[in-house]
């Protein structure tokens, strides 16, 4: 192919794109980067190829302080009410009241 950029600019759903005759799938699989295996059931439309991060469990946590409750609790309550999630809103209200930010 004479215009190698054509593929890179137009193709959108692939695990790994091997451009040019100097490039080979074996390079990607073994040493130059992530492999070209796409996830199943059409997930290749919204995520890239498999890599080690797909097999690592990630954990997240949040911790608030009494001081942060004034801002975060009020914002969470307001946003939750806007979205019609009254029970979520009340969890913010309860903490605001508990720490003296809501009468």
PDB file of N, CA and C in Angstrom:
ATOM      1  N   UNK A   1       0.847  -1.173   0.000  1.00  0.00           N
ATOM      2  CA  UNK A   1       0.000   0.000   0.000  1.00  0.00           C
ATOM      3  C   UNK A   1       0.888   1.229   0.000  1.00  0.00           C
ATOM      4  N   UNK A   2       0.581   2.161  -0.870  1.00  0.00           N
ATOM      5  CA  UNK A   2       1.399   3.364  -0.982  1.00  0.00           C
ATOM      6  C   UNK A   2       1.074   4.387   0.099  1.00  0.00           C
ATOM      7  N   UNK A   3      -0.191   4.519   0.459  1.00  0.00           N
ATOM      8  CA  UNK A   3      -0.597   5.526   1.436  1.00  0.00           C
ATOM      9  C   UNK A   3      -0.932   4.854   2.768  1.00  0.00           C
ATOM     10  N   UNK A   4       0.074   4.671   3.590  1.00  0.00           N
ATOM     11  CA  UNK A   4      -0.110   3.981   4.864  1.00  0.00           C
ATOM     12  C   UNK A   4      -0.975   4.777   5.840  1.00  0.00           C
ATOM     13  N   UNK A   5      -0.962   6.091   5.743  1.00  0.00           N
ATOM     14  CA  UNK A   5      -1.761   6.918   6.652  1.00  0.00           C
ATOM     15  C   UNK A   5      -3.261   6.714   6.438  1.00  0.00           C
ATOM     16  N   UNK A   6      -3.658   6.293   5.247  1.00  0.00           N
ATOM     17  CA  UNK A   6      -5.070   6.109   4.931  1.00  0.00           C
ATOM     18  C   UNK A   6      -5.739   5.195   5.950  1.00  0.00           C
ATOM     19  N   UNK A   7      -5.110   4.071   6.253  1.00  0.00           N
ATOM     20  CA  UNK A   7      -5.680   3.104   7.193  1.00  0.00           C
ATOM     21  C   UNK A   7      -5.765   3.688   8.602  1.00  0.00           C
ATOM     22  N   UNK A   8      -4.694   4.299   9.032  1.00  0.00           N
ATOM     23  CA  UNK A   8      -4.637   4.853  10.385  1.00  0.00           C
ATOM     24  C   UNK A   8      -5.675   5.948  10.586  1.00  0.00           C
ATOM     25  N   UNK A   9      -5.918   6.735   9.567  1.00  0.00           N
ATOM     26  CA  UNK A   9      -6.874   7.839   9.667  1.00  0.00           C
ATOM     27  C   UNK A   9      -8.325   7.378   9.583  1.00  0.00           C
ATOM     28  N   UNK A  10      -8.595   6.246   8.967  1.00  0.00           N
ATOM     29  CA  UNK A  10      -9.983   5.838   8.703  1.00  0.00           C
ATOM     30  C   UNK A  10     -10.490   4.674   9.543  1.00  0.00           C
ATOM     31  N   UNK A  11      -9.641   3.733   9.848  1.00  0.00           N
ATOM     32  CA  UNK A  11     -10.087   2.566  10.610  1.00  0.00           C
ATOM     33  C   UNK A  11     -10.271   2.947  12.074  1.00  0.00           C
ATOM     34  N   UNK A  12     -11.351   2.490  12.669  1.00  0.00           N
ATOM     35  CA  UNK A  12     -11.674   2.889  14.041  1.00  0.00           C
ATOM     36  C   UNK A  12     -11.792   1.725  15.016  1.00  0.00           C
ATOM     37  N   UNK A  13     -12.106   0.533  14.561  1.00  0.00           N
ATOM     38  CA  UNK A  13     -12.320  -0.605  15.456  1.00  0.00           C
ATOM     39  C   UNK A  13     -11.332  -1.722  15.154  1.00  0.00           C
ATOM     40  N   UNK A  14     -10.268  -1.747  15.908  1.00  0.00           N
ATOM     41  CA  UNK A  14      -9.267  -2.795  15.743  1.00  0.00           C
ATOM     42  C   UNK A  14      -8.514  -2.960  17.052  1.00  0.00           C
ATOM     43  N   UNK A  15      -7.929  -4.125  17.230  1.00  0.00           N
ATOM     44  CA  UNK A  15      -7.135  -4.369  18.431  1.00  0.00           C
ATOM     45  C   UNK A  15      -5.775  -3.715  18.324  1.00  0.00           C
ATOM     46  N   UNK A  16      -5.117  -3.923  17.219  1.00  0.00           N
ATOM     47  CA  UNK A  16      -3.836  -3.297  16.936  1.00  0.00           C
ATOM     48  C   UNK A  16      -3.690  -3.239  15.426  1.00  0.00           C
ATOM     49  N   UNK A  17      -3.245  -2.134  14.926  1.00  0.00           N
ATOM     50  CA  UNK A  17      -3.111  -1.940  13.486  1.00  0.00           C
ATOM     51  C   UNK A  17      -1.637  -2.068  13.121  1.00  0.00           C
ATOM     52  N   UNK A  18      -1.330  -2.994  12.244  1.00  0.00           N
ATOM     53  CA  UNK A  18       0.043  -3.234  11.821  1.00  0.00           C
ATOM     54  C   UNK A  18       0.233  -2.571  10.466  1.00  0.00           C
ATOM     55  N   UNK A  19       0.952  -1.458  10.441  1.00  0.00           N
ATOM     56  CA  UNK A  19       1.051  -0.616   9.253  1.00  0.00           C
ATOM     57  C   UNK A  19       2.395  -0.816   8.563  1.00  0.00           C
ATOM     58  N   UNK A  20       2.344  -1.101   7.280  1.00  0.00           N
ATOM     59  CA  UNK A  20       3.557  -1.197   6.471  1.00  0.00           C
ATOM     60  C   UNK A  20       4.133  -2.602   6.432  1.00  0.00           C
ATOM     61  N   UNK A  21       4.876  -2.861   5.368  1.00  0.00           N
ATOM     62  CA  UNK A  21       5.419  -4.204   5.172  1.00  0.00           C
ATOM     63  C   UNK A  21       6.508  -4.555   6.172  1.00  0.00           C
ATOM     64  N   UNK A  22       7.086  -3.557   6.824  1.00  0.00           N
ATOM     65  CA  UNK A  22       8.111  -3.826   7.830  1.00  0.00           C
ATOM     66  C   UNK A  22       7.509  -4.337   9.134  1.00  0.00           C
ATOM     67  N   UNK A  23       6.228  -4.148   9.312  1.00  0.00           N
ATOM     68  CA  UNK A  23       5.535  -4.492  10.549  1.00  0.00           C
ATOM     69  C   UNK A  23       4.906  -5.869  10.426  1.00  0.00           C
ATOM     70  N   UNK A  24       4.911  -6.604  11.500  1.00  0.00           N
ATOM     71  CA  UNK A  24       4.301  -7.935  11.489  1.00  0.00           C
ATOM     72  C   UNK A  24       3.535  -8.183  12.784  1.00  0.00           C
ATOM     73  N   UNK A  25       2.515  -9.008  12.696  1.00  0.00           N
ATOM     74  CA  UNK A  25       1.710  -9.353  13.865  1.00  0.00           C
ATOM     75  C   UNK A  25       2.589  -9.928  14.972  1.00  0.00           C
ATOM     76  N   UNK A  26       3.567 -10.724  14.590  1.00  0.00           N
ATOM     77  CA  UNK A  26       4.450 -11.330  15.593  1.00  0.00           C
ATOM     78  C   UNK A  26       5.172 -10.272  16.417  1.00  0.00           C
ATOM     79  N   UNK A  27       5.527  -9.144  15.796  1.00  0.00           N
ATOM     80  CA  UNK A  27       6.181  -8.078  16.553  1.00  0.00           C
ATOM     81  C   UNK A  27       5.256  -7.580  17.662  1.00  0.00           C
ATOM     82  N   UNK A  28       4.000  -7.335  17.300  1.00  0.00           N
ATOM     83  CA  UNK A  28       3.046  -6.848  18.291  1.00  0.00           C
ATOM     84  C   UNK A  28       2.756  -7.863  19.376  1.00  0.00           C
ATOM     85  N   UNK A  29       2.618  -9.118  18.980  1.00  0.00           N
ATOM     86  CA  UNK A  29       2.321 -10.162  19.957  1.00  0.00           C
ATOM     87  C   UNK A  29       3.477 -10.405  20.915  1.00  0.00           C
ATOM     88  N   UNK A  30       4.689 -10.290  20.419  1.00  0.00           N
ATOM     89  CA  UNK A  30       5.840 -10.714  21.210  1.00  0.00           C
ATOM     90  C   UNK A  30       6.705  -9.596  21.772  1.00  0.00           C
ATOM     91  N   UNK A  31       6.772  -8.427  21.121  1.00  0.00           N
ATOM     92  CA  UNK A  31       7.742  -7.468  21.643  1.00  0.00           C
ATOM     93  C   UNK A  31       7.453  -5.988  21.428  1.00  0.00           C
ATOM     94  N   UNK A  32       6.668  -5.572  20.453  1.00  0.00           N
ATOM     95  CA  UNK A  32       6.571  -4.130  20.186  1.00  0.00           C
ATOM     96  C   UNK A  32       5.370  -3.446  20.833  1.00  0.00           C
ATOM     97  N   UNK A  33       4.471  -4.192  21.425  1.00  0.00           N
ATOM     98  CA  UNK A  33       3.313  -3.547  22.034  1.00  0.00           C
ATOM     99  C   UNK A  33       2.245  -4.540  22.408  1.00  0.00           C
ATOM    100  N   UNK A  34       1.038  -4.038  22.564  1.00  0.00           N
ATOM    101  CA  UNK A  34      -0.062  -4.917  22.943  1.00  0.00           C
ATOM    102  C   UNK A  34      -0.465  -5.794  21.775  1.00  0.00           C
ATOM    103  N   UNK A  35      -1.105  -6.889  22.080  1.00  0.00           N
ATOM    104  CA  UNK A  35      -1.513  -7.782  21.001  1.00  0.00           C
ATOM    105  C   UNK A  35      -2.763  -7.251  20.315  1.00  0.00           C
ATOM    106  N   UNK A  36      -3.223  -7.974  19.320  1.00  0.00           N
ATOM    107  CA  UNK A  36      -4.323  -7.508  18.478  1.00  0.00           C
ATOM    108  C   UNK A  36      -5.646  -8.193  18.780  1.00  0.00           C
ATOM    109  N   UNK A  37      -5.735  -8.918  19.864  1.00  0.00           N
ATOM    110  CA  UNK A  37      -6.959  -9.652  20.186  1.00  0.00           C
ATOM    111  C   UNK A  37      -8.010  -8.690  20.724  1.00  0.00           C
ATOM    112  N   UNK A  38      -9.167  -8.699  20.080  1.00  0.00           N
ATOM    113  CA  UNK A  38     -10.270  -7.852  20.526  1.00  0.00           C
ATOM    114  C   UNK A  38     -11.145  -8.603  21.517  1.00  0.00           C
ATOM    115  N   UNK A  39     -11.768  -7.879  22.434  1.00  0.00           N
ATOM    116  CA  UNK A  39     -12.731  -8.518  23.320  1.00  0.00           C
ATOM    117  C   UNK A  39     -13.929  -9.032  22.526  1.00  0.00           C
ATOM    118  N   UNK A  40     -14.676  -9.943  23.088  1.00  0.00           N
ATOM    119  CA  UNK A  40     -15.782 -10.578  22.373  1.00  0.00           C
ATOM    120  C   UNK A  40     -17.088  -9.806  22.490  1.00  0.00           C
ATOM    121  N   UNK A  41     -18.085 -10.289  21.801  1.00  0.00           N
ATOM    122  CA  UNK A  41     -19.459  -9.767  21.803  1.00  0.00           C
ATOM    123  C   UNK A  41     -19.537  -8.311  21.351  1.00  0.00           C
ATOM    124  N   UNK A  42     -18.715  -7.924  20.413  1.00  0.00           N
ATOM    125  CA  UNK A  42     -18.785  -6.587  19.842  1.00  0.00           C
ATOM    126  C   UNK A  42     -18.172  -5.493  20.691  1.00  0.00           C
ATOM    127  N   UNK A  43     -17.519  -5.843  21.787  1.00  0.00           N
ATOM    128  CA  UNK A  43     -16.929  -4.828  22.657  1.00  0.00           C
ATOM    129  C   UNK A  43     -15.812  -4.058  21.961  1.00  0.00           C
ATOM    130  N   UNK A  44     -15.287  -4.587  20.864  1.00  0.00           N
ATOM    131  CA  UNK A  44     -14.260  -3.882  20.105  1.00  0.00           C
ATOM    132  C   UNK A  44     -14.744  -2.549  19.556  1.00  0.00           C
ATOM    133  N   UNK A  45     -16.056  -2.338  19.533  1.00  0.00           N
ATOM    134  CA  UNK A  45     -16.602  -1.055  19.066  1.00  0.00           C
ATOM    135  C   UNK A  45     -16.316   0.074  20.046  1.00  0.00           C
ATOM    136  N   UNK A  46     -16.155  -0.246  21.335  1.00  0.00           N
ATOM    137  CA  UNK A  46     -15.976   0.821  22.319  1.00  0.00           C
ATOM    138  C   UNK A  46     -14.738   0.651  23.194  1.00  0.00           C
ATOM    139  N   UNK A  47     -13.977  -0.399  22.984  1.00  0.00           N
ATOM    140  CA  UNK A  47     -12.749  -0.564  23.753  1.00  0.00           C
ATOM    141  C   UNK A  47     -11.669  -1.147  22.851  1.00  0.00           C
ATOM    142  N   UNK A  48     -10.444  -0.928  23.209  1.00  0.00           N
ATOM    143  CA  UNK A  48      -9.340  -1.403  22.393  1.00  0.00           C
ATOM    144  C   UNK A  48      -9.020  -2.864  22.634  1.00  0.00           C
ATOM    145  N   UNK A  49      -7.873  -3.269  22.127  1.00  0.00           N
ATOM    146  CA  UNK A  49      -7.448  -4.652  22.262  1.00  0.00           C
ATOM    147  C   UNK A  49      -7.122  -5.014  23.697  1.00  0.00           C
ATOM    148  N   UNK A  50      -6.984  -6.304  23.917  1.00  0.00           N
ATOM    149  CA  UNK A  50      -6.664  -6.781  25.249  1.00  0.00           C
ATOM    150  C   UNK A  50      -5.250  -6.367  25.637  1.00  0.00           C
ATOM    151  N   UNK A  51      -5.061  -6.069  26.892  1.00  0.00           N
ATOM    152  CA  UNK A  51      -3.754  -5.775  27.453  1.00  0.00           C
ATOM    153  C   UNK A  51      -3.805  -6.151  28.923  1.00  0.00           C
ATOM    154  N   UNK A  52      -2.690  -6.116  29.584  1.00  0.00           N
ATOM    155  CA  UNK A  52      -2.626  -6.599  30.959  1.00  0.00           C
ATOM    156  C   UNK A  52      -3.638  -5.897  31.867  1.00  0.00           C
ATOM    157  N   UNK A  53      -3.945  -4.642  31.602  1.00  0.00           N
ATOM    158  CA  UNK A  53      -4.900  -3.903  32.419  1.00  0.00           C
ATOM    159  C   UNK A  53      -6.299  -4.496  32.417  1.00  0.00           C
ATOM    160  N   UNK A  54      -6.644  -5.238  31.385  1.00  0.00           N
ATOM    161  CA  UNK A  54      -7.963  -5.876  31.328  1.00  0.00           C
ATOM    162  C   UNK A  54      -8.079  -7.017  32.333  1.00  0.00           C
ATOM    163  N   UNK A  55      -6.961  -7.486  32.840  1.00  0.00           N
ATOM    164  CA  UNK A  55      -6.960  -8.634  33.742  1.00  0.00           C
ATOM    165  C   UNK A  55      -6.590  -8.254  35.170  1.00  0.00           C
ATOM    166  N   UNK A  56      -6.470  -6.974  35.420  1.00  0.00           N
ATOM    167  CA  UNK A  56      -6.119  -6.498  36.753  1.00  0.00           C
ATOM    168  C   UNK A  56      -7.371  -5.955  37.424  1.00  0.00           C
ATOM    169  N   UNK A  57      -7.598  -6.373  38.624  1.00  0.00           N
ATOM    170  CA  UNK A  57      -8.742  -5.884  39.385  1.00  0.00           C
ATOM    171  C   UNK A  57      -8.393  -4.508  39.940  1.00  0.00           C
ATOM    172  N   UNK A  58      -9.226  -3.549  39.656  1.00  0.00           N
ATOM    173  CA  UNK A  58      -9.015  -2.208  40.190  1.00  0.00           C
ATOM    174  C   UNK A  58     -10.020  -1.957  41.303  1.00  0.00           C
ATOM    175  N   UNK A  59      -9.579  -1.298  42.325  1.00  0.00           N
ATOM    176  CA  UNK A  59     -10.421  -0.953  43.460  1.00  0.00           C
ATOM    177  C   UNK A  59     -10.377   0.552  43.658  1.00  0.00           C
ATOM    178  N   UNK A  60     -11.479   1.112  44.036  1.00  0.00           N
ATOM    179  CA  UNK A  60     -11.494   2.539  44.349  1.00  0.00           C
ATOM    180  C   UNK A  60     -12.194   2.727  45.683  1.00  0.00           C
ATOM    181  N   UNK A  61     -11.873   3.816  46.349  1.00  0.00           N
ATOM    182  CA  UNK A  61     -12.547   4.112  47.603  1.00  0.00           C
ATOM    183  C   UNK A  61     -12.642   5.617  47.762  1.00  0.00           C
ATOM    184  N   UNK A  62     -13.562   6.029  48.590  1.00  0.00           N
ATOM    185  CA  UNK A  62     -13.712   7.436  48.915  1.00  0.00           C
ATOM    186  C   UNK A  62     -13.787   7.575  50.422  1.00  0.00           C
ATOM    187  N   UNK A  63     -13.254   8.666  50.927  1.00  0.00           N
ATOM    188  CA  UNK A  63     -13.332   8.950  52.351  1.00  0.00           C
ATOM    189  C   UNK A  63     -13.571  10.438  52.506  1.00  0.00           C
ATOM    190  N   UNK A  64     -14.609  10.773  53.210  1.00  0.00           N
ATOM    191  CA  UNK A  64     -14.940  12.167  53.445  1.00  0.00           C
ATOM    192  C   UNK A  64     -14.595  12.543  54.881  1.00  0.00           C
ATOM    193  N   UNK A  65     -14.432  13.822  55.085  1.00  0.00           N
ATOM    194  CA  UNK A  65     -14.241  14.357  56.431  1.00  0.00           C
ATOM    195  C   UNK A  65     -15.481  15.159  56.801  1.00  0.00           C
ATOM    196  N   UNK A  66     -15.586  15.504  58.068  1.00  0.00           N
ATOM    197  CA  UNK A  66     -16.710  16.352  58.484  1.00  0.00           C
ATOM    198  C   UNK A  66     -16.694  17.653  57.690  1.00  0.00           C
ATOM    199  N   UNK A  67     -15.499  18.186  57.491  1.00  0.00           N
ATOM    200  CA  UNK A  67     -15.368  19.462  56.783  1.00  0.00           C
ATOM    201  C   UNK A  67     -15.800  19.355  55.318  1.00  0.00           C
ATOM    202  N   UNK A  68     -15.473  18.254  54.682  1.00  0.00           N
ATOM    203  CA  UNK A  68     -15.836  18.108  53.268  1.00  0.00           C
ATOM    204  C   UNK A  68     -17.329  17.887  53.081  1.00  0.00           C
ATOM    205  N   UNK A  69     -18.004  17.431  54.133  1.00  0.00           N
ATOM    206  CA  UNK A  69     -19.434  17.153  54.047  1.00  0.00           C
ATOM    207  C   UNK A  69     -20.238  18.403  53.692  1.00  0.00           C
ATOM    208  N   UNK A  70     -19.809  19.548  54.153  1.00  0.00           N
ATOM    209  CA  UNK A  70     -20.563  20.774  53.863  1.00  0.00           C
ATOM    210  C   UNK A  70     -20.699  20.985  52.359  1.00  0.00           C
ATOM    211  N   UNK A  71     -19.627  20.821  51.634  1.00  0.00           N
ATOM    212  CA  UNK A  71     -19.642  21.027  50.186  1.00  0.00           C
ATOM    213  C   UNK A  71     -20.149  19.792  49.436  1.00  0.00           C
ATOM    214  N   UNK A  72     -19.582  18.647  49.736  1.00  0.00           N
ATOM    215  CA  UNK A  72     -19.921  17.426  49.004  1.00  0.00           C
ATOM    216  C   UNK A  72     -21.345  16.975  49.303  1.00  0.00           C
ATOM    217  N   UNK A  73     -21.747  17.029  50.562  1.00  0.00           N
ATOM    218  CA  UNK A  73     -23.101  16.616  50.935  1.00  0.00           C
ATOM    219  C   UNK A  73     -24.159  17.471  50.280  1.00  0.00           C
ATOM    220  N   UNK A  74     -23.920  18.778  50.269  1.00  0.00           N
ATOM    221  CA  UNK A  74     -24.885  19.691  49.638  1.00  0.00           C
ATOM    222  C   UNK A  74     -24.958  19.450  48.132  1.00  0.00           C
ATOM    223  N   UNK A  75     -23.814  19.264  47.500  1.00  0.00           N
ATOM    224  CA  UNK A  75     -23.798  19.030  46.051  1.00  0.00           C
ATOM    225  C   UNK A  75     -24.459  17.696  45.712  1.00  0.00           C
ATOM    226  N   UNK A  76     -24.166  16.658  46.483  1.00  0.00           N
ATOM    227  CA  UNK A  76     -24.763  15.347  46.228  1.00  0.00           C
ATOM    228  C   UNK A  76     -26.276  15.397  46.397  1.00  0.00           C
ATOM    229  N   UNK A  77     -26.737  16.082  47.430  1.00  0.00           N
ATOM    230  CA  UNK A  77     -28.180  16.194  47.659  1.00  0.00           C
ATOM    231  C   UNK A  77     -28.852  16.945  46.514  1.00  0.00           C
ATOM    232  N   UNK A  78     -28.242  18.036  46.104  1.00  0.00           N
ATOM    233  CA  UNK A  78     -28.818  18.846  45.027  1.00  0.00           C
ATOM    234  C   UNK A  78     -28.875  18.068  43.710  1.00  0.00           C
ATOM    235  N   UNK A  79     -27.768  17.443  43.345  1.00  0.00           N
ATOM    236  CA  UNK A  79     -27.731  16.664  42.103  1.00  0.00           C
ATOM    237  C   UNK A  79     -28.696  15.481  42.149  1.00  0.00           C
ATOM    238  N   UNK A  80     -28.755  14.818  43.288  1.00  0.00           N
ATOM    239  CA  UNK A  80     -29.646  13.662  43.418  1.00  0.00           C
ATOM    240  C   UNK A  80     -31.103  14.069  43.273  1.00  0.00           C
ATOM    241  N   UNK A  81     -31.477  15.190  43.867  1.00  0.00           N
ATOM    242  CA  UNK A  81     -32.863  15.657  43.736  1.00  0.00           C
ATOM    243  C   UNK A  81     -33.168  16.030  42.289  1.00  0.00           C
ATOM    244  N   UNK A  82     -32.223  16.646  41.640  1.00  0.00           N
ATOM    245  CA  UNK A  82     -32.409  17.016  40.239  1.00  0.00           C
ATOM    246  C   UNK A  82     -32.660  15.774  39.387  1.00  0.00           C
ATOM    247  N   UNK A  83     -31.993  14.676  39.723  1.00  0.00           N
ATOM    248  CA  UNK A  83     -32.144  13.427  38.978  1.00  0.00           C
ATOM    249  C   UNK A  83     -33.303  12.574  39.491  1.00  0.00           C
ATOM    250  N   UNK A  84     -34.041  13.076  40.490  1.00  0.00           N
ATOM    251  CA  UNK A  84     -35.184  12.340  41.017  1.00  0.00           C
ATOM    252  C   UNK A  84     -34.807  11.192  41.938  1.00  0.00           C
ATOM    253  N   UNK A  85     -33.641  11.268  42.529  1.00  0.00           N
ATOM    254  CA  UNK A  85     -33.168  10.198  43.416  1.00  0.00           C
ATOM    255  C   UNK A  85     -33.220  10.689  44.861  1.00  0.00           C
ATOM    256  N   UNK A  86     -34.412  10.750  45.395  1.00  0.00           N
ATOM    257  CA  UNK A  86     -34.641  11.340  46.712  1.00  0.00           C
ATOM    258  C   UNK A  86     -33.885  10.616  47.823  1.00  0.00           C
ATOM    259  N   UNK A  87     -33.823   9.297  47.780  1.00  0.00           N
ATOM    260  CA  UNK A  87     -33.106   8.565  48.834  1.00  0.00           C
ATOM    261  C   UNK A  87     -31.622   8.941  48.854  1.00  0.00           C
ATOM    262  N   UNK A  88     -31.025   9.102  47.694  1.00  0.00           N
ATOM    263  CA  UNK A  88     -29.628   9.542  47.636  1.00  0.00           C
ATOM    264  C   UNK A  88     -29.504  10.949  48.223  1.00  0.00           C
ATOM    265  N   UNK A  89     -30.433  11.813  47.867  1.00  0.00           N
ATOM    266  CA  UNK A  89     -30.406  13.188  48.375  1.00  0.00           C
ATOM    267  C   UNK A  89     -30.468  13.204  49.896  1.00  0.00           C
ATOM    268  N   UNK A  90     -31.287  12.352  50.447  1.00  0.00           N
ATOM    269  CA  UNK A  90     -31.442  12.328  51.907  1.00  0.00           C
ATOM    270  C   UNK A  90     -30.176  11.864  52.617  1.00  0.00           C
ATOM    271  N   UNK A  91     -29.366  11.027  51.976  1.00  0.00           N
ATOM    272  CA  UNK A  91     -28.110  10.630  52.622  1.00  0.00           C
ATOM    273  C   UNK A  91     -27.192  11.841  52.792  1.00  0.00           C
ATOM    274  N   UNK A  92     -27.228  12.742  51.830  1.00  0.00           N
ATOM    275  CA  UNK A  92     -26.481  13.989  51.979  1.00  0.00           C
ATOM    276  C   UNK A  92     -27.080  14.860  53.063  1.00  0.00           C
ATOM    277  N   UNK A  93     -28.408  14.981  53.067  1.00  0.00           N
ATOM    278  CA  UNK A  93     -29.096  15.798  54.076  1.00  0.00           C
ATOM    279  C   UNK A  93     -28.813  15.306  55.489  1.00  0.00           C
ATOM    280  N   UNK A  94     -28.862  13.983  55.678  1.00  0.00           N
ATOM    281  CA  UNK A  94     -28.632  13.406  57.007  1.00  0.00           C
ATOM    282  C   UNK A  94     -27.254  13.788  57.524  1.00  0.00           C
ATOM    283  N   UNK A  95     -26.265  13.707  56.677  1.00  0.00           N
ATOM    284  CA  UNK A  95     -24.908  14.045  57.109  1.00  0.00           C
ATOM    285  C   UNK A  95     -24.733  15.548  57.306  1.00  0.00           C
ATOM    286  N   UNK A  96     -25.365  16.336  56.463  1.00  0.00           N
ATOM    287  CA  UNK A  96     -25.308  17.790  56.646  1.00  0.00           C
ATOM    288  C   UNK A  96     -25.906  18.178  57.992  1.00  0.00           C
ATOM    289  N   UNK A  97     -27.010  17.558  58.329  1.00  0.00           N
ATOM    290  CA  UNK A  97     -27.663  17.844  59.611  1.00  0.00           C
ATOM    291  C   UNK A  97     -26.814  17.330  60.770  1.00  0.00           C
ATOM    292  N   UNK A  98     -26.287  16.123  60.640  1.00  0.00           N
ATOM    293  CA  UNK A  98     -25.476  15.505  61.693  1.00  0.00           C
ATOM    294  C   UNK A  98     -24.284  16.370  62.076  1.00  0.00           C
ATOM    295  N   UNK A  99     -23.653  16.983  61.084  1.00  0.00           N
ATOM    296  CA  UNK A  99     -22.456  17.779  61.350  1.00  0.00           C
ATOM    297  C   UNK A  99     -22.736  19.273  61.463  1.00  0.00           C
ATOM    298  N   UNK A 100     -24.017  19.633  61.556  1.00  0.00           N
ATOM    299  CA  UNK A 100     -24.384  21.018  61.839  1.00  0.00           C
ATOM    300  C   UNK A 100     -24.394  21.955  60.650  1.00  0.00           C
ATOM    301  N   UNK A 101     -24.420  21.423  59.436  1.00  0.00           N
ATOM    302  CA  UNK A 101     -24.444  22.279  58.255  1.00  0.00           C
ATOM    303  C   UNK A 101     -25.856  22.510  57.738  1.00  0.00           C
ATOM    304  N   UNK A 102     -26.826  21.794  58.289  1.00  0.00           N
ATOM    305  CA  UNK A 102     -28.219  21.914  57.870  1.00  0.00           C
ATOM    306  C   UNK A 102     -29.071  21.951  59.121  1.00  0.00           C
ATOM    307  N   UNK A 103     -29.927  22.922  59.193  1.00  0.00           N
ATOM    308  CA  UNK A 103     -30.790  23.068  60.379  1.00  0.00           C
ATOM    309  C   UNK A 103     -32.069  22.321  60.196  1.00  0.00           C
TER     310      UNK A 103
END
